[in-house]
Amino acid sequence: MLLFTMIYQQTSGPVAWVYAAETTIDAGMGIVLLTLWGTVLVLSIVCPIIMDPRSLGPSGTFFILAGISLFGAAYSKFVIRETFGKSDKEKKLMFTPERF
């Protein structure tokens, strides 16, 4: 459990916020922040319920969150594009579909 917490705090915990600021332009940041805070809200409501021993319990909750984290790592590795050092204009061109 401590290893999971340590890995979460060094990866998807703070990284999602930094990645959102790096990849989106100013106009899209509001939508991204709404999504991130919505996720925090859902987790704060759902986790106490599923951590109850009569429900899944701590170990079941851990395995669900670990599975979600593994899916997120695979998604990040294979789908998300690198935007380090690119300007807003280059980011827009990178994520805009090409026209024929």
N, C-alpha and C. Protein backbone atom coordinates (compact mmCIF):
# COMPACT_ATOMS: atom_id res chain seq x y z
N MET A 1 0.83 -1.19 0.00
CA MET A 1 0.00 0.00 0.00
C MET A 1 0.88 1.26 0.00
N LEU A 2 1.97 1.22 0.76
CA LEU A 2 2.87 2.37 0.78
C LEU A 2 3.56 2.56 -0.57
N LEU A 3 3.92 1.46 -1.22
CA LEU A 3 4.54 1.56 -2.53
C LEU A 3 3.58 2.20 -3.54
N PHE A 4 2.32 1.78 -3.51
CA PHE A 4 1.31 2.37 -4.40
C PHE A 4 1.18 3.87 -4.13
N THR A 5 1.10 4.25 -2.87
CA THR A 5 0.97 5.67 -2.51
C THR A 5 2.18 6.46 -2.98
N MET A 6 3.37 5.91 -2.80
CA MET A 6 4.59 6.60 -3.22
C MET A 6 4.62 6.78 -4.74
N ILE A 7 4.28 5.72 -5.48
CA ILE A 7 4.27 5.80 -6.94
C ILE A 7 3.21 6.80 -7.41
N TYR A 8 2.03 6.77 -6.80
CA TYR A 8 0.97 7.71 -7.18
C TYR A 8 1.41 9.16 -6.97
N GLN A 9 2.05 9.43 -5.84
CA GLN A 9 2.47 10.81 -5.55
C GLN A 9 3.59 11.28 -6.46
N GLN A 10 4.32 10.35 -7.06
CA GLN A 10 5.40 10.74 -7.96
C GLN A 10 5.00 10.69 -9.43
N THR A 11 3.80 10.21 -9.72
CA THR A 11 3.39 10.11 -11.13
C THR A 11 2.05 10.78 -11.35
N SER A 12 0.98 10.02 -11.40
CA SER A 12 -0.29 10.57 -11.84
C SER A 12 -0.92 11.56 -10.87
N GLY A 13 -0.58 11.53 -9.60
CA GLY A 13 -1.14 12.50 -8.66
C GLY A 13 -0.86 13.93 -9.10
N PRO A 14 0.39 14.37 -9.05
CA PRO A 14 0.69 15.75 -9.46
C PRO A 14 0.91 15.91 -10.96
N VAL A 15 1.28 14.83 -11.65
CA VAL A 15 1.63 14.95 -13.06
C VAL A 15 0.44 15.32 -13.93
N ALA A 16 -0.75 14.86 -13.59
CA ALA A 16 -1.92 15.19 -14.39
C ALA A 16 -2.13 16.70 -14.46
N TRP A 17 -1.91 17.38 -13.37
CA TRP A 17 -2.09 18.83 -13.33
C TRP A 17 -1.02 19.55 -14.16
N VAL A 18 0.23 19.10 -14.03
CA VAL A 18 1.32 19.72 -14.79
C VAL A 18 1.16 19.43 -16.28
N TYR A 19 0.78 18.20 -16.61
CA TYR A 19 0.59 17.84 -18.02
C TYR A 19 -0.54 18.65 -18.64
N ALA A 20 -1.60 18.85 -17.89
CA ALA A 20 -2.72 19.64 -18.41
C ALA A 20 -2.28 21.07 -18.71
N ALA A 21 -1.52 21.66 -17.83
CA ALA A 21 -1.05 23.03 -18.05
C ALA A 21 -0.08 23.10 -19.22
N GLU A 22 0.68 22.05 -19.43
CA GLU A 22 1.68 22.04 -20.50
C GLU A 22 1.04 21.84 -21.87
N THR A 23 0.03 21.02 -21.97
CA THR A 23 -0.47 20.63 -23.29
C THR A 23 -1.66 21.45 -23.78
N THR A 24 -2.41 22.07 -22.87
CA THR A 24 -3.58 22.80 -23.34
C THR A 24 -3.27 24.28 -23.51
N ILE A 25 -4.07 24.90 -24.33
CA ILE A 25 -3.97 26.35 -24.47
C ILE A 25 -4.87 26.98 -23.41
N ASP A 26 -4.79 28.27 -23.26
CA ASP A 26 -5.53 28.95 -22.19
C ASP A 26 -7.03 28.71 -22.27
N ALA A 27 -7.59 28.67 -23.48
CA ALA A 27 -9.03 28.51 -23.62
C ALA A 27 -9.51 27.13 -23.16
N GLY A 28 -8.68 26.11 -23.31
CA GLY A 28 -9.08 24.76 -22.93
C GLY A 28 -8.79 24.41 -21.49
N MET A 29 -8.04 25.25 -20.80
CA MET A 29 -7.64 24.93 -19.43
C MET A 29 -8.84 24.86 -18.49
N GLY A 30 -9.87 25.64 -18.71
CA GLY A 30 -11.06 25.59 -17.86
C GLY A 30 -11.75 24.24 -17.93
N ILE A 31 -11.86 23.69 -19.12
CA ILE A 31 -12.48 22.37 -19.29
C ILE A 31 -11.63 21.30 -18.63
N VAL A 32 -10.32 21.40 -18.81
CA VAL A 32 -9.42 20.41 -18.21
C VAL A 32 -9.49 20.47 -16.69
N LEU A 33 -9.49 21.66 -16.12
CA LEU A 33 -9.57 21.78 -14.66
C LEU A 33 -10.91 21.29 -14.12
N LEU A 34 -11.98 21.55 -14.86
CA LEU A 34 -13.29 21.03 -14.47
C LEU A 34 -13.26 19.50 -14.42
N THR A 35 -12.63 18.89 -15.41
CA THR A 35 -12.52 17.43 -15.44
C THR A 35 -11.67 16.91 -14.30
N LEU A 36 -10.53 17.55 -14.05
CA LEU A 36 -9.65 17.09 -12.96
C LEU A 36 -10.34 17.23 -11.60
N TRP A 37 -10.97 18.37 -11.35
CA TRP A 37 -11.66 18.55 -10.07
C TRP A 37 -12.89 17.64 -9.97
N GLY A 38 -13.54 17.37 -11.10
CA GLY A 38 -14.66 16.43 -11.10
C GLY A 38 -14.19 15.03 -10.70
N THR A 39 -13.01 14.64 -11.19
CA THR A 39 -12.44 13.35 -10.81
C THR A 39 -12.15 13.30 -9.32
N VAL A 40 -11.60 14.36 -8.78
CA VAL A 40 -11.33 14.42 -7.34
C VAL A 40 -12.63 14.31 -6.55
N LEU A 41 -13.68 14.98 -7.01
CA LEU A 41 -14.97 14.92 -6.33
C LEU A 41 -15.53 13.49 -6.34
N VAL A 42 -15.49 12.85 -7.51
CA VAL A 42 -16.00 11.48 -7.61
C VAL A 42 -15.21 10.54 -6.71
N LEU A 43 -13.88 10.66 -6.71
CA LEU A 43 -13.06 9.80 -5.85
C LEU A 43 -13.35 10.04 -4.37
N SER A 44 -13.57 11.29 -3.99
CA SER A 44 -13.84 11.57 -2.57
C SER A 44 -15.20 11.05 -2.13
N ILE A 45 -16.13 10.89 -3.05
CA ILE A 45 -17.44 10.33 -2.71
C ILE A 45 -17.41 8.81 -2.75
N VAL A 46 -16.77 8.24 -3.77
CA VAL A 46 -16.83 6.80 -3.99
C VAL A 46 -15.87 6.01 -3.09
N CYS A 47 -14.66 6.51 -2.87
CA CYS A 47 -13.66 5.73 -2.13
C CYS A 47 -14.08 5.35 -0.71
N PRO A 48 -14.66 6.24 0.09
CA PRO A 48 -15.09 5.79 1.42
C PRO A 48 -16.14 4.68 1.38
N ILE A 49 -16.98 4.71 0.36
CA ILE A 49 -18.02 3.68 0.24
C ILE A 49 -17.41 2.33 -0.10
N ILE A 50 -16.51 2.30 -1.09
CA ILE A 50 -15.95 1.02 -1.49
C ILE A 50 -14.86 0.53 -0.54
N MET A 51 -14.31 1.41 0.30
CA MET A 51 -13.30 0.96 1.27
C MET A 51 -13.93 0.35 2.52
N ASP A 52 -15.22 0.47 2.66
CA ASP A 52 -15.92 -0.16 3.78
C ASP A 52 -15.73 -1.67 3.69
N PRO A 53 -15.35 -2.33 4.79
CA PRO A 53 -15.13 -3.78 4.76
C PRO A 53 -16.35 -4.58 4.29
N ARG A 54 -17.55 -4.05 4.45
CA ARG A 54 -18.73 -4.75 3.95
C ARG A 54 -18.86 -4.65 2.44
N SER A 55 -18.12 -3.74 1.84
CA SER A 55 -18.12 -3.59 0.39
C SER A 55 -16.87 -4.29 -0.15
N LEU A 56 -16.02 -3.61 -0.86
CA LEU A 56 -14.80 -4.22 -1.40
C LEU A 56 -13.68 -4.30 -0.37
N GLY A 57 -13.65 -3.35 0.54
CA GLY A 57 -12.57 -3.31 1.52
C GLY A 57 -11.34 -2.62 0.97
N PRO A 58 -10.35 -2.38 1.83
CA PRO A 58 -9.14 -1.67 1.39
C PRO A 58 -8.36 -2.39 0.28
N SER A 59 -8.24 -3.71 0.37
CA SER A 59 -7.45 -4.42 -0.64
C SER A 59 -8.16 -4.41 -2.00
N GLY A 60 -9.47 -4.57 -2.02
CA GLY A 60 -10.20 -4.51 -3.28
C GLY A 60 -10.12 -3.14 -3.92
N THR A 61 -10.23 -2.11 -3.08
CA THR A 61 -10.10 -0.74 -3.58
C THR A 61 -8.71 -0.50 -4.13
N PHE A 62 -7.70 -1.01 -3.43
CA PHE A 62 -6.32 -0.87 -3.89
C PHE A 62 -6.15 -1.49 -5.27
N PHE A 63 -6.68 -2.69 -5.48
CA PHE A 63 -6.51 -3.36 -6.77
C PHE A 63 -7.27 -2.64 -7.88
N ILE A 64 -8.42 -2.09 -7.58
CA ILE A 64 -9.15 -1.31 -8.59
C ILE A 64 -8.36 -0.07 -8.98
N LEU A 65 -7.86 0.67 -7.99
CA LEU A 65 -7.10 1.88 -8.29
C LEU A 65 -5.78 1.56 -8.97
N ALA A 66 -5.15 0.44 -8.59
CA ALA A 66 -3.91 0.02 -9.26
C ALA A 66 -4.18 -0.32 -10.72
N GLY A 67 -5.31 -0.99 -11.00
CA GLY A 67 -5.66 -1.30 -12.38
C GLY A 67 -5.92 -0.05 -13.20
N ILE A 68 -6.60 0.91 -12.60
CA ILE A 68 -6.85 2.17 -13.30
C ILE A 68 -5.53 2.89 -13.57
N SER A 69 -4.61 2.85 -12.61
CA SER A 69 -3.30 3.49 -12.79
C SER A 69 -2.50 2.81 -13.90
N LEU A 70 -2.55 1.47 -13.97
CA LEU A 70 -1.85 0.76 -15.04
C LEU A 70 -2.43 1.11 -16.41
N PHE A 71 -3.75 1.21 -16.48
CA PHE A 71 -4.39 1.62 -17.73
C PHE A 71 -3.94 3.04 -18.10
N GLY A 72 -3.90 3.93 -17.11
CA GLY A 72 -3.46 5.31 -17.36
C GLY A 72 -2.02 5.38 -17.82
N ALA A 73 -1.16 4.53 -17.25
CA ALA A 73 0.24 4.51 -17.67
C ALA A 73 0.37 4.04 -19.11
N ALA A 74 -0.37 2.99 -19.46
CA ALA A 74 -0.33 2.49 -20.84
C ALA A 74 -0.89 3.53 -21.82
N TYR A 75 -1.97 4.18 -21.44
CA TYR A 75 -2.55 5.23 -22.27
C TYR A 75 -1.54 6.36 -22.48
N SER A 76 -0.89 6.77 -21.41
CA SER A 76 0.09 7.86 -21.51
C SER A 76 1.25 7.47 -22.40
N LYS A 77 1.69 6.24 -22.29
CA LYS A 77 2.84 5.78 -23.08
C LYS A 77 2.53 5.72 -24.57
N PHE A 78 1.35 5.22 -24.93
CA PHE A 78 1.07 4.94 -26.33
C PHE A 78 0.20 5.97 -27.04
N VAL A 79 -0.50 6.85 -26.31
CA VAL A 79 -1.45 7.75 -26.96
C VAL A 79 -1.04 9.22 -26.84
N ILE A 80 -0.57 9.64 -25.68
CA ILE A 80 -0.30 11.06 -25.44
C ILE A 80 0.98 11.49 -26.16
N ARG A 81 0.92 12.63 -26.80
CA ARG A 81 2.04 13.17 -27.57
C ARG A 81 2.91 14.07 -26.70
N GLU A 82 4.19 14.11 -27.01
CA GLU A 82 5.15 14.95 -26.29
C GLU A 82 5.01 16.40 -26.79
N THR A 83 4.92 17.35 -25.86
CA THR A 83 4.79 18.75 -26.23
C THR A 83 5.87 19.62 -25.61
N PHE A 84 6.89 19.02 -25.06
CA PHE A 84 7.95 19.79 -24.40
C PHE A 84 8.62 20.75 -25.37
N GLY A 85 8.69 22.01 -24.99
CA GLY A 85 9.38 23.02 -25.78
C GLY A 85 8.60 23.55 -26.97
N LYS A 86 7.36 23.19 -27.12
CA LYS A 86 6.57 23.66 -28.25
C LYS A 86 5.76 24.89 -27.85
N SER A 87 5.56 25.78 -28.80
CA SER A 87 4.76 26.98 -28.55
C SER A 87 3.28 26.62 -28.63
N ASP A 88 2.41 27.55 -28.23
CA ASP A 88 0.97 27.32 -28.31
C ASP A 88 0.53 27.05 -29.76
N LYS A 89 1.13 27.77 -30.70
CA LYS A 89 0.78 27.58 -32.11
C LYS A 89 1.17 26.17 -32.57
N GLU A 90 2.35 25.70 -32.17
CA GLU A 90 2.78 24.35 -32.54
C GLU A 90 1.88 23.28 -31.91
N LYS A 91 1.44 23.52 -30.67
CA LYS A 91 0.53 22.58 -30.01
C LYS A 91 -0.81 22.52 -30.73
N LYS A 92 -1.31 23.69 -31.15
CA LYS A 92 -2.58 23.71 -31.88
C LYS A 92 -2.46 22.94 -33.19
N LEU A 93 -1.36 23.13 -33.90
CA LEU A 93 -1.16 22.41 -35.16
C LEU A 93 -1.00 20.91 -34.92
N MET A 94 -0.38 20.57 -33.81
CA MET A 94 -0.14 19.17 -33.49
C MET A 94 -1.44 18.39 -33.23
N PHE A 95 -2.42 19.06 -32.62
CA PHE A 95 -3.65 18.39 -32.24
C PHE A 95 -4.84 18.73 -33.14
N THR A 96 -4.61 19.51 -34.19
CA THR A 96 -5.66 19.85 -35.14
C THR A 96 -5.60 18.88 -36.30
N PRO A 97 -6.72 18.26 -36.67
CA PRO A 97 -6.69 17.34 -37.81
C PRO A 97 -6.34 18.07 -39.11
N GLU A 98 -5.60 17.39 -39.95
CA GLU A 98 -5.22 18.00 -41.22
C GLU A 98 -6.42 18.06 -42.17
N ARG A 99 -6.52 19.13 -42.91
CA ARG A 99 -7.59 19.32 -43.89
C ARG A 99 -7.07 18.89 -45.26
N PHE A 100 -7.96 18.35 -46.09
CA PHE A 100 -7.56 17.90 -47.43
C PHE A 100 -7.56 19.05 -48.40
